Amino acid sequence: MKVPLQAVKCMLAGEGAVEQIERTEVRTGGKVESILAAATRTFLASGFGAVSMDTIAREAGVSKATVYAHFAGKEELFGAMVGRVCERHFETFSTRELDPLDLVLSPDAIAVHRIIIAEVTRFPVLGEVFWRAGPERTLRQIEAFMRRAAAAGSLEIAQPRMAAEQFVGLMRGENHLRHLLRLEAETDRPDIEDAVSAGVDTFVRAFQRQAG
């Protein structure tokens, strides 16, 4: 659903510049990309605790020493994987491409949330790793969007960070929890899209600049 949400597009009417995402601080290259791709496949399929660095090295077709040459440990690699998942959803982040539904209900995002819920008790450090690499980065991008909207005179936003959090909350609604619990069905898609559109309408009504 590439935003049939004209109100969102109008926030920055006329600018249309892509908001650059905050890149993960990971060296790029053939082996690094292979390791990240392998980590994404294995973590999303098996979770965090069940996956070893040996498994990721085999999946990537490199030695374990090569994996450790680029990532200090499994937690750092997991954080880099989460960051890359977020990047994929922000590569075309602009007023013409923003897809609120994809931001919170993409299959990869849901899979990562399930891993955190299942394993953060055994691996408490995952909570902070996930927050910094995923939700916090997402909120900063949306906050920047809100600041630009306010500067352009499209919205009246006194606290952009709070507005970003409220926007994400409206987009999620109960649908995010339903997806986490595997209660969603393909027949729910129109209802989900209606709920997201209604959430955007509610947000814009709350923050639109008042005439006069």
Protein backbone atom coordinates (compact mmCIF):
# COMPACT_ATOMS: atom_id res chain seq x y z
CA MET A 1 0.00 0.00 0.00
CA LYS A 2 1.99 3.00 -1.21
CA VAL A 3 0.21 5.60 0.83
CA PRO A 4 -3.15 6.52 -0.61
CA LEU A 5 -2.80 8.96 2.26
CA GLN A 6 -2.83 12.29 0.49
CA ALA A 7 -2.73 14.11 3.80
CA VAL A 8 0.73 12.70 4.52
CA LYS A 9 1.99 13.78 1.11
CA CYS A 10 0.65 17.26 1.68
CA MET A 11 2.72 17.66 4.84
CA LEU A 12 5.72 18.56 2.72
CA ALA A 13 4.09 19.51 -0.53
CA GLY A 14 6.61 20.76 -3.02
CA GLU A 15 9.74 19.46 -1.31
CA GLY A 16 9.72 15.80 -2.25
CA ALA A 17 13.33 15.32 -1.17
CA VAL A 18 14.22 11.91 0.11
CA GLU A 19 15.10 11.87 3.78
CA GLN A 20 18.40 10.00 4.01
CA ILE A 21 18.34 7.15 6.45
CA GLU A 22 20.88 6.75 9.21
CA ARG A 23 23.15 4.00 7.95
CA THR A 24 24.39 1.28 10.24
CA GLU A 25 28.03 1.74 11.15
CA VAL A 26 29.18 -1.42 9.44
CA ARG A 27 31.86 -1.69 6.80
CA THR A 28 30.38 -2.70 3.47
CA GLY A 29 31.83 -5.26 1.12
CA GLY A 30 31.22 -8.67 -0.36
CA LYS A 31 31.95 -10.72 2.74
CA VAL A 32 30.15 -8.34 5.07
CA GLU A 33 27.06 -8.42 2.86
CA SER A 34 27.21 -12.22 2.75
CA ILE A 35 27.49 -12.39 6.52
CA LEU A 36 24.57 -9.98 7.04
CA ALA A 37 22.40 -11.86 4.53
CA ALA A 38 23.21 -15.16 6.25
CA ALA A 39 22.54 -13.64 9.69
CA THR A 40 19.18 -12.31 8.51
CA ARG A 41 18.12 -15.70 7.16
CA THR A 42 19.22 -17.66 10.21
CA PHE A 43 18.07 -15.25 12.91
CA LEU A 44 14.64 -14.78 11.36
CA ALA A 45 14.22 -18.52 10.87
CA SER A 46 15.58 -19.79 14.20
CA GLY A 47 15.71 -16.89 16.65
CA PHE A 48 18.73 -15.59 18.54
CA GLY A 49 19.62 -18.24 21.11
CA ALA A 50 19.53 -21.20 18.72
CA VAL A 51 21.89 -19.58 16.21
CA SER A 52 25.66 -19.73 16.64
CA MET A 53 28.38 -17.77 14.92
CA ASP A 54 29.51 -21.09 13.43
CA THR A 55 26.08 -21.51 11.85
CA ILE A 56 26.17 -18.02 10.38
CA ALA A 57 29.70 -18.54 9.07
CA ARG A 58 28.67 -21.77 7.32
CA GLU A 59 25.56 -20.13 5.88
CA ALA A 60 27.66 -17.21 4.61
CA GLY A 61 30.36 -19.46 3.17
CA VAL A 62 33.12 -17.83 5.23
CA SER A 63 35.25 -18.80 8.21
CA LYS A 64 34.22 -17.97 11.76
CA ALA A 65 37.38 -15.87 12.02
CA THR A 66 36.10 -13.77 9.12
CA VAL A 67 32.79 -13.20 10.88
CA TYR A 68 34.58 -12.06 14.05
CA ALA A 69 36.85 -9.82 12.01
CA HIS A 70 33.79 -7.74 11.12
CA PHE A 71 31.52 -8.25 14.15
CA ALA A 72 32.70 -8.46 17.77
CA GLY A 73 29.98 -10.90 18.77
CA LYS A 74 26.55 -12.29 18.05
CA GLU A 75 24.80 -9.34 19.71
CA GLU A 76 26.58 -6.84 17.45
CA LEU A 77 25.74 -8.93 14.39
CA PHE A 78 22.10 -9.14 15.47
CA GLY A 79 21.99 -5.35 15.85
CA ALA A 80 23.49 -4.89 12.39
CA MET A 81 20.86 -7.25 10.99
CA VAL A 82 18.05 -5.27 12.63
CA GLY A 83 19.55 -2.06 11.25
CA ARG A 84 19.58 -3.46 7.75
CA VAL A 85 15.95 -4.54 8.02
CA CYS A 86 15.08 -0.95 8.98
CA GLU A 87 17.17 0.48 6.15
CA ARG A 88 15.25 -1.52 3.56
CA HIS A 89 12.06 0.20 4.68
CA PHE A 90 13.59 3.69 4.63
CA GLU A 91 15.59 3.59 1.40
CA THR A 92 12.91 5.61 -0.41
CA PHE A 93 11.62 7.48 2.62
CA SER A 94 9.95 10.60 1.24
CA THR A 95 6.54 12.22 1.08
CA ARG A 96 5.76 10.24 -2.05
CA GLU A 97 6.97 6.86 -0.81
CA LEU A 98 6.18 6.67 2.90
CA ASP A 99 4.20 3.52 3.56
CA PRO A 100 2.96 3.58 7.18
CA LEU A 101 1.64 0.02 6.94
CA ASP A 102 5.02 -1.31 5.86
CA LEU A 103 6.78 0.53 8.69
CA VAL A 104 5.14 -1.54 11.40
CA LEU A 105 3.64 -4.64 9.76
CA SER A 106 6.32 -5.85 7.34
CA PRO A 107 7.01 -9.61 7.73
CA ASP A 108 10.67 -9.02 8.67
CA ALA A 109 9.77 -6.41 11.29
CA ILE A 110 7.17 -8.73 12.83
CA ALA A 111 9.67 -11.62 12.83
CA VAL A 112 12.28 -9.53 14.66
CA HIS A 113 9.72 -8.42 17.26
CA ARG A 114 8.81 -12.06 17.90
CA ILE A 115 12.47 -12.93 18.46
CA ILE A 116 12.87 -10.12 21.00
CA ILE A 117 9.71 -11.08 22.89
CA ALA A 118 10.78 -14.73 23.01
CA GLU A 119 14.41 -14.23 24.00
CA VAL A 120 14.92 -10.93 25.84
CA THR A 121 14.47 -12.61 29.23
CA ARG A 122 17.39 -14.98 28.56
CA PHE A 123 19.41 -12.37 26.70
CA PRO A 124 18.61 -8.98 28.33
CA VAL A 125 21.15 -7.14 26.18
CA LEU A 126 18.96 -7.84 23.15
CA GLY A 127 16.44 -5.29 24.40
CA GLU A 128 18.84 -2.37 24.09
CA VAL A 129 20.43 -3.72 20.90
CA PHE A 130 17.03 -4.00 19.27
CA TRP A 131 15.78 -0.64 20.53
CA ARG A 132 18.79 1.28 19.26
CA ALA A 133 18.99 -0.49 15.90
CA GLY A 134 15.25 -0.62 15.21
CA PRO A 135 12.53 1.43 16.95
CA GLU A 136 14.82 4.30 18.00
CA ARG A 137 16.20 4.74 14.47
CA THR A 138 12.70 4.55 13.03
CA LEU A 139 11.44 7.19 15.45
CA ARG A 140 14.34 9.51 14.64
CA GLN A 141 13.54 9.30 10.94
CA ILE A 142 9.85 10.03 11.52
CA GLU A 143 10.77 12.82 13.94
CA ALA A 144 12.89 14.40 11.19
CA PHE A 145 9.89 14.12 8.87
CA MET A 146 7.73 15.89 11.45
CA ARG A 147 10.27 18.68 11.89
CA ARG A 148 10.34 19.29 8.16
CA ALA A 149 6.55 19.31 8.03
CA ALA A 150 6.43 21.89 10.82
CA ALA A 151 9.13 24.01 9.16
CA ALA A 152 7.21 23.90 5.88
CA GLY A 153 4.10 25.21 7.69
CA SER A 154 2.07 22.09 6.90
CA LEU A 155 1.60 21.01 10.51
CA GLU A 156 1.74 22.61 13.94
CA ILE A 157 4.02 20.38 16.01
CA ALA A 158 5.51 21.63 19.25
CA GLN A 159 7.12 18.31 20.20
CA PRO A 160 8.24 16.41 17.08
CA ARG A 161 9.53 13.39 18.99
CA MET A 162 6.25 12.92 20.83
CA ALA A 163 4.37 13.40 17.56
CA ALA A 164 6.51 10.69 15.94
CA GLU A 165 5.70 8.28 18.77
CA GLN A 166 1.99 9.09 18.49
CA PHE A 167 2.11 8.58 14.72
CA VAL A 168 3.64 5.11 15.09
CA GLY A 169 1.10 4.23 17.78
CA LEU A 170 -1.78 5.19 15.50
CA MET A 171 -0.31 3.16 12.65
CA ARG A 172 0.05 0.07 14.80
CA GLY A 173 -3.26 0.10 16.60
CA GLU A 174 -4.24 -3.44 17.55
CA ASN A 175 -3.09 -4.83 14.21
CA HIS A 176 0.55 -5.02 15.29
CA LEU A 177 -0.30 -7.20 18.30
CA ARG A 178 -2.58 -9.38 16.17
CA HIS A 179 0.29 -9.98 13.76
CA LEU A 180 2.69 -10.80 16.58
CA LEU A 181 0.18 -13.38 17.87
CA ARG A 182 -0.38 -14.78 14.35
CA LEU A 183 -4.05 -13.84 14.46
CA GLU A 184 -3.95 -12.02 11.15
CA ALA A 185 -5.51 -13.41 7.97
CA GLU A 186 -5.28 -12.36 4.35
CA THR A 187 -8.94 -11.38 4.48
CA ASP A 188 -8.01 -8.81 7.16
CA ARG A 189 -5.92 -6.76 4.70
CA PRO A 190 -8.66 -4.29 3.67
CA ASP A 191 -9.59 -3.72 7.32
CA ILE A 192 -5.93 -3.11 8.19
CA GLU A 193 -5.53 -0.60 5.38
CA ASP A 194 -8.70 1.17 6.49
CA ALA A 195 -7.39 1.34 10.07
CA VAL A 196 -4.04 2.77 8.93
CA SER A 197 -5.74 5.38 6.74
CA ALA A 198 -8.03 6.34 9.63
CA GLY A 199 -5.00 6.65 11.89
CA VAL A 200 -3.31 9.05 9.48
CA ASP A 201 -6.51 11.09 9.19
CA THR A 202 -6.69 11.32 12.99
CA PHE A 203 -3.05 12.42 13.20
CA VAL A 204 -3.38 15.10 10.53
CA ARG A 205 -6.57 16.50 12.10
CA ALA A 206 -4.77 16.76 15.43
CA PHE A 207 -1.75 18.60 14.05
CA GLN A 208 -2.92 20.46 10.96
CA ARG A 209 -2.28 24.18 10.96
CA GLN A 210 -5.39 26.11 11.88
CA ALA A 211 -6.56 28.79 9.50
CA GLY A 212 -6.25 32.34 10.78
